[in-house]
Amino acid sequence: MSTVNTDTRRPTLERKLGLGSAVSLNVMNMIGVGPFITLPLVVAAMGGSQAILGWLLGAAIALCDGLVWAELGAAMPEAGGSYAFLREIYGREGAGRWISFLYVWQLGFSAPLSIASGCIGLAQYAAYLWPALNVSLVGGHVSLVSLLAAATSLFAVALLYRNLTAIARMAWIMTGGVLLTIGAVIVAGATHFHPAMLAAPHGAFAMNAGFFEGLGAATLLATYDYWGYYAVCFLGGEVRDPGRTIPRAVLWSIALVTALYLGMQVSVLGVIPVRELTQTGAAKFAVVAVLMQRTFGVTAARVLAVLVMWTAFASVFSLLLSYSRAPYAAALDGNYFRAFAHLHPRHKFPDVSLLSLGLVAAVFCFFDLAAVIAALVAIRILLQYVLQQIGVIVLRIKHPEMPRPFRIWLYPLPPLIALAGFLFIVFSRNQASHELLDAAIVAGSGSVIYFFRAFRRGEWPFASTISG
């Protein structure tokens, strides 16, 4: 089998990341531009303040899934996160090679999609501040908004082109801006809060088909906004005391962000009437700016828009940092394209992987935001989350003796609940067939590449055939 050069002089990742920085990176990963766009959409999905149930159900799914990440991350603290988990669960020299390769292959699409969604959201808020950005170029096919989004991805790559210690310092500064942004929204709502506006409409909790359809749509949006609590797992090879740090970072970030999201949703509902939140114009993306304008004026609204842009960029920064470690880990195993195993000789970070994800994300910035998010959700759930929920149970059965510094609370309920929740999210979507086709194309193309390489290199499932 062809492997990557194992010269002992080769640069290696260093364990420099502590608990505080790990939580900071997780929070940045979770709170991008998503909640500032989806808050009114969650309300519209259920038609009233009962939409808070969507945030609570999304938090419950995030917690159950987070417990799975916490156990796997503490047991296998390596670069690459899910890549390492899936490889070990399904067999390092067996089907695990195919499944883990397939995961990294889909990450080449889903990670840039996730990064691009943050860049596009940032550019849309910039257009709110400077409407001239809505001008189209190249015969109306390219907008300045798209160009700004692509430039944002490339700028994030430039900032990440340094060692992890410098990045951790920047992470604290960016997290401060993220917390300030949400704090400003909560304070604005609290100082002009009208409790009567939280009253749910008559029949809001009738347990009929409409209620569950609305709850499913609201939970889908909320779940997308919660994603990112696992960022520290992708940096497992750079975390100090990973058996304790990783589970704490995952669970603390979920608790913190849940409180922030609930506070922000209640603040908006207490100031802006539901009928306005469900109108197309108000729901487009600037609802928090509308909230700030009504409470503290136009200048405050513009300042908040800048802070939302800061928050979006912090998320892009964190996503690029964490996801760039997965292709590196796979290439180091000889289970992905060799070029991705390269580390920067001075700063010791996976430079080829970082540059590749950043460039692909820049290309995706020219796509529609809704299409980007829809494709991301289906691909990520089917080719990562479902495999991990099943996998953590498989690993318990196959290797009960494996050291587990952290064990899932109330096992096996959390992985089963998370699995049910994710499948419900995928198949309850109106455009489920289109998104399933996207996932099938990614899985099919990745499988063709894997089996072609495996045949040529005599790896699973062709090892015994060729050797015989």
Protein backbone atom coordinates (compact mmCIF):
# COMPACT_ATOMS: atom_id res chain seq x y z
CA MET A 1 0.00 0.00 0.00
CA SER A 2 1.27 3.45 -0.93
CA THR A 3 1.68 5.66 2.11
CA VAL A 4 2.66 9.18 2.93
CA ASN A 5 6.27 9.94 3.76
CA THR A 6 6.87 9.14 7.42
CA ASP A 7 10.16 10.96 7.85
CA THR A 8 10.49 11.74 11.56
CA ARG A 9 11.71 15.23 10.69
CA ARG A 10 8.33 16.02 9.16
CA PRO A 11 6.43 18.82 11.00
CA THR A 12 3.66 17.57 13.27
CA LEU A 13 0.63 19.19 14.90
CA GLU A 14 1.18 20.53 18.42
CA ARG A 15 -1.21 20.35 21.39
CA LYS A 16 -1.62 24.04 22.27
CA LEU A 17 -5.41 24.48 22.44
CA GLY A 18 -6.92 24.86 25.95
CA LEU A 19 -10.53 24.72 27.14
CA GLY A 20 -11.22 28.44 26.83
CA SER A 21 -9.97 28.65 23.26
CA ALA A 22 -11.81 25.43 22.36
CA VAL A 23 -15.13 26.82 23.61
CA SER A 24 -14.41 30.10 21.84
CA LEU A 25 -13.83 28.37 18.50
CA ASN A 26 -16.97 26.25 18.93
CA VAL A 27 -19.12 29.29 19.68
CA MET A 28 -17.75 31.14 16.65
CA ASN A 29 -18.49 28.09 14.54
CA MET A 30 -22.08 27.92 15.81
CA ILE A 31 -23.06 31.58 15.71
CA GLY A 32 -22.58 32.72 12.16
CA VAL A 33 -24.98 34.84 10.19
CA GLY A 34 -27.57 32.03 10.34
CA PRO A 35 -29.62 33.06 13.40
CA PHE A 36 -29.79 36.68 12.25
CA ILE A 37 -31.42 35.51 9.02
CA THR A 38 -33.52 32.61 10.28
CA LEU A 39 -35.12 34.14 13.40
CA PRO A 40 -38.16 35.48 11.49
CA LEU A 41 -38.29 32.35 9.33
CA VAL A 42 -38.59 30.15 12.42
CA VAL A 43 -41.53 32.29 13.60
CA ALA A 44 -43.12 32.15 10.14
CA ALA A 45 -42.82 28.35 10.08
CA MET A 46 -45.08 28.00 13.14
CA GLY A 47 -47.04 31.24 12.85
CA GLY A 48 -46.47 32.64 16.32
CA SER A 49 -44.46 32.70 19.51
CA GLN A 50 -44.84 28.93 19.83
CA ALA A 51 -41.86 28.90 17.44
CA ILE A 52 -39.72 28.84 20.58
CA LEU A 53 -40.51 25.10 20.59
CA GLY A 54 -38.45 24.79 17.41
CA TRP A 55 -35.42 26.28 19.15
CA LEU A 56 -35.92 23.96 22.14
CA LEU A 57 -36.28 20.85 19.99
CA GLY A 58 -33.25 21.89 17.95
CA ALA A 59 -31.28 22.29 21.18
CA ALA A 60 -32.38 18.82 22.32
CA ILE A 61 -31.15 17.27 19.05
CA ALA A 62 -27.89 19.24 19.34
CA LEU A 63 -27.37 17.99 22.91
CA CYS A 64 -28.00 14.35 21.96
CA ASP A 65 -25.68 14.63 18.99
CA GLY A 66 -23.16 16.58 21.05
CA LEU A 67 -22.93 13.72 23.54
CA VAL A 68 -21.97 11.42 20.65
CA TRP A 69 -19.26 13.85 19.52
CA ALA A 70 -18.05 14.19 23.13
CA GLU A 71 -17.58 10.43 23.58
CA LEU A 72 -15.93 9.89 20.20
CA GLY A 73 -13.78 13.01 20.44
CA ALA A 74 -12.47 12.14 23.90
CA ALA A 75 -11.76 8.52 22.88
CA MET A 76 -10.08 9.43 19.57
CA PRO A 77 -8.53 12.91 19.90
CA GLU A 78 -6.97 13.14 16.47
CA ALA A 79 -6.92 15.66 13.65
CA GLY A 80 -9.85 15.22 11.31
CA GLY A 81 -12.71 14.57 13.73
CA SER A 82 -15.32 12.50 11.91
CA TYR A 83 -12.71 11.12 9.52
CA ALA A 84 -10.86 9.42 12.41
CA PHE A 85 -14.11 8.30 14.06
CA LEU A 86 -15.55 6.64 10.95
CA ARG A 87 -12.22 5.02 10.05
CA GLU A 88 -11.92 3.32 13.43
CA ILE A 89 -15.62 2.46 13.85
CA TYR A 90 -16.00 0.67 10.53
CA GLY A 91 -12.48 -0.78 10.36
CA ARG A 92 -9.16 0.92 9.59
CA GLU A 93 -8.26 -1.73 7.00
CA GLY A 94 -11.83 -2.66 6.07
CA ALA A 95 -14.98 -0.77 5.12
CA GLY A 96 -13.78 2.07 7.31
CA ARG A 97 -11.33 3.07 4.58
CA TRP A 98 -14.16 3.55 2.10
CA ILE A 99 -16.53 5.28 4.52
CA SER A 100 -13.89 7.62 5.91
CA PHE A 101 -12.69 8.46 2.37
CA LEU A 102 -16.30 9.16 1.40
CA TYR A 103 -16.66 11.45 4.40
CA VAL A 104 -13.62 13.53 3.42
CA TRP A 105 -14.81 13.60 -0.20
CA GLN A 106 -18.21 15.00 0.81
CA LEU A 107 -16.46 17.43 3.14
CA GLY A 108 -14.82 18.87 0.04
CA PHE A 109 -18.33 19.98 -0.93
CA SER A 110 -20.21 20.45 2.35
CA ALA A 111 -17.48 22.37 4.20
CA PRO A 112 -17.09 24.99 1.46
CA LEU A 113 -20.91 25.20 1.25
CA SER A 114 -21.04 25.93 4.97
CA ILE A 115 -18.23 28.49 4.70
CA ALA A 116 -19.86 30.10 1.66
CA SER A 117 -23.20 30.47 3.48
CA GLY A 118 -21.46 32.62 6.12
CA CYS A 119 -19.68 34.67 3.44
CA ILE A 120 -22.90 35.26 1.51
CA GLY A 121 -24.73 36.30 4.68
CA LEU A 122 -21.97 38.75 5.55
CA ALA A 123 -22.14 40.25 2.06
CA GLN A 124 -25.93 40.59 2.28
CA TYR A 125 -25.66 42.58 5.50
CA ALA A 126 -23.01 44.72 3.81
CA ALA A 127 -25.52 45.39 1.04
CA TYR A 128 -28.03 46.47 3.70
CA LEU A 129 -25.52 49.12 4.80
CA TRP A 130 -24.33 50.00 1.28
CA PRO A 131 -27.12 49.31 -1.26
CA ALA A 132 -24.73 50.09 -4.13
CA LEU A 133 -23.32 46.56 -3.63
CA ASN A 134 -26.47 45.16 -5.22
CA VAL A 135 -25.19 46.31 -8.63
CA SER A 136 -24.71 43.45 -11.11
CA LEU A 137 -21.75 43.05 -13.42
CA VAL A 138 -20.85 40.87 -16.42
CA GLY A 139 -24.21 41.23 -18.12
CA GLY A 140 -26.14 40.90 -14.89
CA HIS A 141 -24.72 37.48 -14.02
CA VAL A 142 -22.33 38.51 -11.23
CA SER A 143 -23.10 40.93 -8.40
CA LEU A 144 -20.79 42.93 -6.21
CA VAL A 145 -22.36 41.08 -3.26
CA SER A 146 -21.07 37.77 -4.64
CA LEU A 147 -17.63 39.22 -5.24
CA LEU A 148 -17.50 40.53 -1.68
CA ALA A 149 -18.54 37.12 -0.37
CA ALA A 150 -15.77 35.40 -2.34
CA ALA A 151 -13.23 37.98 -1.14
CA THR A 152 -14.33 37.28 2.45
CA SER A 153 -13.41 33.60 2.08
CA LEU A 154 -9.98 34.46 0.70
CA PHE A 155 -9.36 37.03 3.45
CA ALA A 156 -10.17 34.41 6.11
CA VAL A 157 -7.60 32.08 4.51
CA ALA A 158 -5.01 34.85 4.70
CA LEU A 159 -5.68 35.40 8.42
CA LEU A 160 -5.42 31.66 9.11
CA TYR A 161 -2.04 31.45 7.41
CA ARG A 162 -0.17 31.51 10.73
CA ASN A 163 0.45 29.34 13.83
CA LEU A 164 -2.29 28.16 16.18
CA THR A 165 -1.19 30.35 19.10
CA ALA A 166 -1.77 33.52 17.08
CA ILE A 167 -5.06 32.12 15.78
CA ALA A 168 -6.27 31.37 19.33
CA ARG A 169 -5.66 35.01 20.30
CA MET A 170 -7.67 36.19 17.30
CA ALA A 171 -10.42 33.73 18.23
CA TRP A 172 -10.90 35.39 21.62
CA ILE A 173 -11.21 38.82 19.98
CA MET A 174 -13.71 37.54 17.43
CA THR A 175 -15.75 35.71 20.06
CA GLY A 176 -15.99 38.95 22.02
CA GLY A 177 -17.56 40.57 18.97
CA VAL A 178 -19.98 37.64 18.55
CA LEU A 179 -21.18 37.87 22.17
CA LEU A 180 -21.46 41.66 21.92
CA THR A 181 -23.67 41.34 18.85
CA ILE A 182 -26.15 38.95 20.45
CA GLY A 183 -25.97 40.81 23.75
CA ALA A 184 -26.93 44.05 21.96
CA VAL A 185 -29.99 42.36 20.44
CA ILE A 186 -31.08 40.91 23.80
CA VAL A 187 -30.60 44.23 25.62
CA ALA A 188 -32.50 46.15 22.93
CA GLY A 189 -35.41 43.74 23.24
CA ALA A 190 -35.35 43.68 27.05
CA THR A 191 -35.48 47.47 27.36
CA HIS A 192 -38.51 47.74 25.07
CA PHE A 193 -40.16 44.43 25.88
CA HIS A 194 -43.93 43.88 25.72
CA PRO A 195 -44.82 40.56 27.41
CA ALA A 196 -48.30 40.49 25.87
CA MET A 197 -46.74 40.06 22.43
CA LEU A 198 -45.49 36.61 23.46
CA ALA A 199 -49.02 35.24 23.70
CA ALA A 200 -49.50 32.35 21.28
CA PRO A 201 -52.46 32.55 18.88
CA HIS A 202 -55.61 30.53 19.52
CA GLY A 203 -55.17 26.85 18.62
CA ALA A 204 -51.38 27.19 18.37
CA PHE A 205 -50.77 23.94 20.23
CA ALA A 206 -53.41 21.80 18.52
CA MET A 207 -51.69 18.47 17.86
CA ASN A 208 -52.59 18.19 14.18
CA ALA A 209 -50.64 17.70 10.94
CA GLY A 210 -50.14 21.43 10.48
CA PHE A 211 -48.56 21.78 13.91
CA PHE A 212 -46.00 19.02 13.30
CA GLU A 213 -45.24 20.24 9.78
CA GLY A 214 -44.53 23.71 11.16
CA LEU A 215 -42.49 22.29 14.02
CA GLY A 216 -40.41 20.27 11.59
CA ALA A 217 -39.67 23.33 9.45
CA ALA A 218 -38.77 25.43 12.50
CA THR A 219 -36.55 22.69 13.91
CA LEU A 220 -34.74 22.35 10.59
CA LEU A 221 -33.75 26.02 10.69
CA ALA A 222 -32.83 25.91 14.37
CA THR A 223 -30.73 22.77 13.93
CA TYR A 224 -28.77 24.39 11.12
CA ASP A 225 -28.09 27.36 13.41
CA TYR A 226 -26.85 25.09 16.23
CA TRP A 227 -24.35 23.20 14.06
CA GLY A 228 -20.71 23.82 14.95
CA TYR A 229 -20.50 22.56 18.55
CA TYR A 230 -18.15 19.83 17.31
CA ALA A 231 -15.45 22.11 15.81
CA VAL A 232 -12.99 21.20 18.57
CA CYS A 233 -13.14 17.53 17.50
CA PHE A 234 -11.55 18.39 14.14
CA LEU A 235 -8.68 19.94 16.08
CA GLY A 236 -8.34 16.91 18.36
CA GLY A 237 -4.64 16.53 17.56
CA GLU A 238 -3.99 20.08 18.80
CA VAL A 239 -6.02 20.02 22.07
CA ARG A 240 -4.41 19.82 25.49
CA ASP A 241 -5.85 17.15 27.83
CA PRO A 242 -8.38 16.12 25.16
CA GLY A 243 -10.19 13.55 27.32
CA ARG A 244 -11.50 16.38 29.51
CA THR A 245 -11.28 19.40 27.21
CA ILE A 246 -13.22 18.08 24.22
CA PRO A 247 -16.40 16.93 26.05
CA ARG A 248 -16.52 20.12 28.12
CA ALA A 249 -16.02 22.35 25.08
CA VAL A 250 -18.80 20.57 23.16
CA LEU A 251 -21.38 20.63 25.96
CA TRP A 252 -20.58 24.09 27.31
CA SER A 253 -20.84 25.65 23.86
CA ILE A 254 -24.26 24.02 23.29
CA ALA A 255 -25.55 25.33 26.64
CA LEU A 256 -24.21 28.84 26.04
CA VAL A 257 -25.51 29.17 22.49
CA THR A 258 -28.93 27.73 23.41
CA ALA A 259 -29.34 30.43 26.07
CA LEU A 260 -28.26 33.14 23.61
CA TYR A 261 -30.60 31.96 20.85
CA LEU A 262 -33.60 31.71 23.16
CA GLY A 263 -32.87 35.16 24.59
CA MET A 264 -32.58 36.64 21.11
CA GLN A 265 -35.80 35.02 19.86
CA VAL A 266 -37.78 36.18 22.90
CA SER A 267 -36.36 39.70 22.53
CA VAL A 268 -37.46 39.91 18.89
CA LEU A 269 -40.93 38.53 19.66
CA GLY A 270 -41.35 41.07 22.45
CA VAL A 271 -40.72 44.05 20.14
CA ILE A 272 -41.75 43.16 16.58
CA PRO A 273 -45.32 41.83 16.05
CA VAL A 274 -45.61 38.32 14.61
CA ARG A 275 -47.52 39.59 11.57
CA GLU A 276 -44.51 41.71 10.60
CA LEU A 277 -42.02 38.92 11.20
CA THR A 278 -43.91 36.66 8.83
CA GLN A 279 -44.00 39.18 6.00
CA THR A 280 -41.56 38.55 3.18
CA GLY A 281 -39.82 41.91 3.45
CA ALA A 282 -39.16 41.74 7.18
CA ALA A 283 -38.13 38.10 7.05
CA LYS A 284 -35.51 38.59 4.34
CA PHE A 285 -32.52 39.01 6.64
CA ALA A 286 -32.42 42.32 8.52
CA VAL A 287 -34.81 41.61 11.38
CA VAL A 288 -32.28 42.39 14.12
CA ALA A 289 -31.44 45.67 12.41
CA VAL A 290 -35.18 46.48 12.38
CA LEU A 291 -35.30 45.65 16.09
CA MET A 292 -32.38 47.94 16.85
CA GLN A 293 -33.77 50.75 14.71
CA ARG A 294 -37.07 50.68 16.59
CA THR A 295 -35.42 50.68 19.98
CA PHE A 296 -32.30 52.84 19.64
CA GLY A 297 -32.53 54.46 16.20
CA VAL A 298 -31.00 54.24 12.73
CA THR A 299 -27.39 54.72 13.84
CA ALA A 300 -27.64 51.85 16.32
CA ALA A 301 -29.17 49.67 13.60
CA ARG A 302 -26.23 50.34 11.30
CA VAL A 303 -23.76 49.59 14.07
CA LEU A 304 -25.53 46.31 14.75
CA ALA A 305 -25.37 45.40 11.05
CA VAL A 306 -21.59 45.84 11.23
CA LEU A 307 -21.49 43.58 14.29
CA VAL A 308 -23.52 40.94 12.45
CA MET A 309 -20.91 41.08 9.68
CA TRP A 310 -18.23 40.59 12.34
CA THR A 311 -20.12 37.56 13.66
CA ALA A 312 -20.46 36.07 10.19
CA PHE A 313 -16.75 36.47 9.54
CA ALA A 314 -15.85 34.90 12.88
CA SER A 315 -17.87 31.83 11.87
CA VAL A 316 -16.14 31.64 8.47
CA PHE A 317 -12.79 31.90 10.25
CA SER A 318 -13.60 29.06 12.64
CA LEU A 319 -15.10 26.81 9.95
CA LEU A 320 -12.03 27.08 7.75
CA LEU A 321 -9.73 26.41 10.69
CA SER A 322 -11.51 23.27 11.87
CA TYR A 323 -12.47 21.65 8.55
CA SER A 324 -9.02 22.04 7.02
CA ARG A 325 -7.75 19.36 9.42
CA ALA A 326 -9.88 16.51 8.01
CA PRO A 327 -8.36 16.22 4.48
CA TYR A 328 -4.92 16.54 6.11
CA ALA A 329 -5.59 13.63 8.47
CA ALA A 330 -6.93 11.44 5.67
CA ALA A 331 -3.97 12.19 3.38
CA LEU A 332 -1.56 11.45 6.23
CA ASP A 333 -3.20 8.01 6.44
CA GLY A 334 -2.67 7.48 2.72
CA ASN A 335 -6.46 7.47 2.33
CA TYR A 336 -6.80 10.74 0.41
CA PHE A 337 -4.88 12.74 -2.17
CA ARG A 338 -1.25 12.98 -1.10
CA ALA A 339 -0.94 16.76 -1.54
CA PHE A 340 -3.31 17.40 1.38
CA ALA A 341 -0.81 15.86 3.86
CA HIS A 342 1.47 18.87 3.51
CA LEU A 343 2.10 21.06 6.57
CA HIS A 344 3.42 24.58 6.44
CA PRO A 345 7.13 24.14 7.34
CA ARG A 346 7.23 27.07 9.75
CA HIS A 347 3.77 27.42 11.30
CA LYS A 348 2.83 23.71 11.15
CA PHE A 349 -0.72 23.92 9.82
CA PRO A 350 -2.22 22.02 6.82
CA ASP A 351 -1.71 24.75 4.23
CA VAL A 352 -2.79 22.86 1.08
CA SER A 353 -6.04 21.74 2.74
CA LEU A 354 -6.75 25.27 4.01
CA LEU A 355 -6.12 26.88 0.63
CA SER A 356 -8.24 24.29 -1.22
CA LEU A 357 -11.30 24.68 1.02
CA GLY A 358 -11.03 28.46 0.93
CA LEU A 359 -10.86 28.57 -2.87
CA VAL A 360 -13.80 26.17 -3.37
CA ALA A 361 -15.84 28.19 -0.84
CA ALA A 362 -15.07 31.33 -2.84
CA VAL A 363 -16.55 29.66 -5.94
CA PHE A 364 -19.69 28.59 -4.04
CA CYS A 365 -20.22 32.22 -3.02
CA PHE A 366 -21.66 32.81 -6.49
CA PHE A 367 -24.58 30.43 -5.76
CA ASP A 368 -27.95 31.26 -4.18
CA LEU A 369 -27.86 31.15 -0.36
CA ALA A 370 -31.01 29.04 -0.02
CA ALA A 371 -29.66 26.46 -2.48
CA VAL A 372 -26.33 26.40 -0.64
CA ILE A 373 -27.97 25.70 2.73
CA ALA A 374 -30.37 23.07 1.32
CA ALA A 375 -27.58 21.08 -0.32
CA LEU A 376 -25.42 21.37 2.81
CA VAL A 377 -28.12 20.00 5.13
CA ALA A 378 -28.86 16.85 3.12
CA ILE A 379 -25.24 15.98 2.31
CA ARG A 380 -23.98 16.53 5.84
CA ILE A 381 -26.76 14.59 7.59
CA LEU A 382 -26.74 11.55 5.30
CA LEU A 383 -22.97 11.20 4.82
CA GLN A 384 -21.81 12.16 8.31
CA TYR A 385 -24.33 12.47 11.13
CA VAL A 386 -26.32 9.30 10.41
CA LEU A 387 -23.09 7.28 10.08
CA GLN A 388 -21.84 8.60 13.43
CA GLN A 389 -25.07 7.96 15.35
CA ILE A 390 -25.07 4.37 14.17
CA GLY A 391 -21.30 4.17 14.52
CA VAL A 392 -21.08 5.09 18.20
CA ILE A 393 -23.39 2.13 18.97
CA VAL A 394 -21.40 -0.18 16.68
CA LEU A 395 -18.18 0.85 18.45
CA ARG A 396 -19.67 0.12 21.89
CA ILE A 397 -20.61 -3.39 20.69
CA LYS A 398 -17.35 -4.18 18.85
CA HIS A 399 -14.93 -2.64 21.35
CA PRO A 400 -16.44 -2.41 24.83
CA GLU A 401 -12.93 -2.44 26.30
CA MET A 402 -11.89 0.75 24.49
CA PRO A 403 -10.85 3.55 26.90
CA ARG A 404 -13.57 6.20 26.98
CA PRO A 405 -12.66 9.26 29.10
CA PHE A 406 -16.23 10.46 28.56
CA ARG A 407 -19.28 8.22 28.18
CA ILE A 408 -22.64 9.26 26.71
CA TRP A 409 -25.21 10.03 29.39
CA LEU A 410 -28.29 7.72 29.35
CA TYR A 411 -26.77 5.63 26.53
CA PRO A 412 -28.16 4.54 24.03
CA LEU A 413 -31.02 7.08 24.07
CA PRO A 414 -29.06 10.17 22.86
CA PRO A 415 -27.74 8.64 19.60
CA LEU A 416 -31.14 7.11 18.84
CA ILE A 417 -32.93 10.43 19.47
CA ALA A 418 -30.40 12.34 17.37
CA LEU A 419 -30.71 9.80 14.56
CA ALA A 420 -34.51 10.07 14.55
CA GLY A 421 -34.32 13.86 14.64
CA PHE A 422 -31.88 14.13 11.73
CA LEU A 423 -33.85 11.71 9.54
CA PHE A 424 -37.05 13.65 10.29
CA ILE A 425 -35.33 16.87 9.24
CA VAL A 426 -34.17 15.42 5.91
CA PHE A 427 -37.38 13.69 4.87
CA SER A 428 -39.79 16.40 6.07
CA ARG A 429 -38.37 18.94 3.60
CA ASN A 430 -40.47 19.96 0.59
CA GLN A 431 -37.47 19.62 -1.70
CA ALA A 432 -36.23 16.37 -0.12
CA SER A 433 -35.98 14.55 -3.46
CA HIS A 434 -33.68 17.21 -4.94
CA GLU A 435 -31.45 17.26 -1.88
CA LEU A 436 -31.29 13.47 -1.72
CA LEU A 437 -30.17 13.50 -5.35
CA ASP A 438 -27.37 15.95 -4.46
CA ALA A 439 -26.23 13.63 -1.67
CA ALA A 440 -26.43 10.59 -3.97
CA ILE A 441 -24.28 12.30 -6.63
CA VAL A 442 -21.61 13.21 -4.06
CA ALA A 443 -21.65 9.70 -2.54
CA GLY A 444 -21.61 8.01 -5.95
CA SER A 445 -18.74 10.05 -7.38
CA GLY A 446 -16.70 9.59 -4.21
CA SER A 447 -17.29 5.85 -4.24
CA VAL A 448 -16.17 5.54 -7.87
CA ILE A 449 -12.92 7.38 -7.08
CA TYR A 450 -12.30 5.32 -3.92
CA PHE A 451 -12.87 1.91 -5.55
CA PHE A 452 -10.73 2.85 -8.57
CA ARG A 453 -7.85 3.86 -6.27
CA ALA A 454 -8.38 0.85 -4.03
CA PHE A 455 -8.22 -1.56 -6.98
CA ARG A 456 -4.98 -0.02 -8.26
CA ARG A 457 -3.40 0.00 -4.79
CA GLY A 458 -4.65 -3.39 -3.60
CA GLU A 459 -6.68 -2.00 -0.70
CA TRP A 460 -10.07 -2.99 0.71
CA PRO A 461 -12.12 -4.61 -0.77
CA PHE A 462 -9.59 -5.80 -3.39
CA ALA A 463 -6.66 -6.65 -1.12
CA SER A 464 -7.35 -10.41 -0.85
CA THR A 465 -8.27 -10.72 -4.53
CA ILE A 466 -5.07 -9.09 -5.79
CA SER A 467 -2.80 -10.81 -3.30
CA GLY A 468 -4.31 -14.14 -4.21
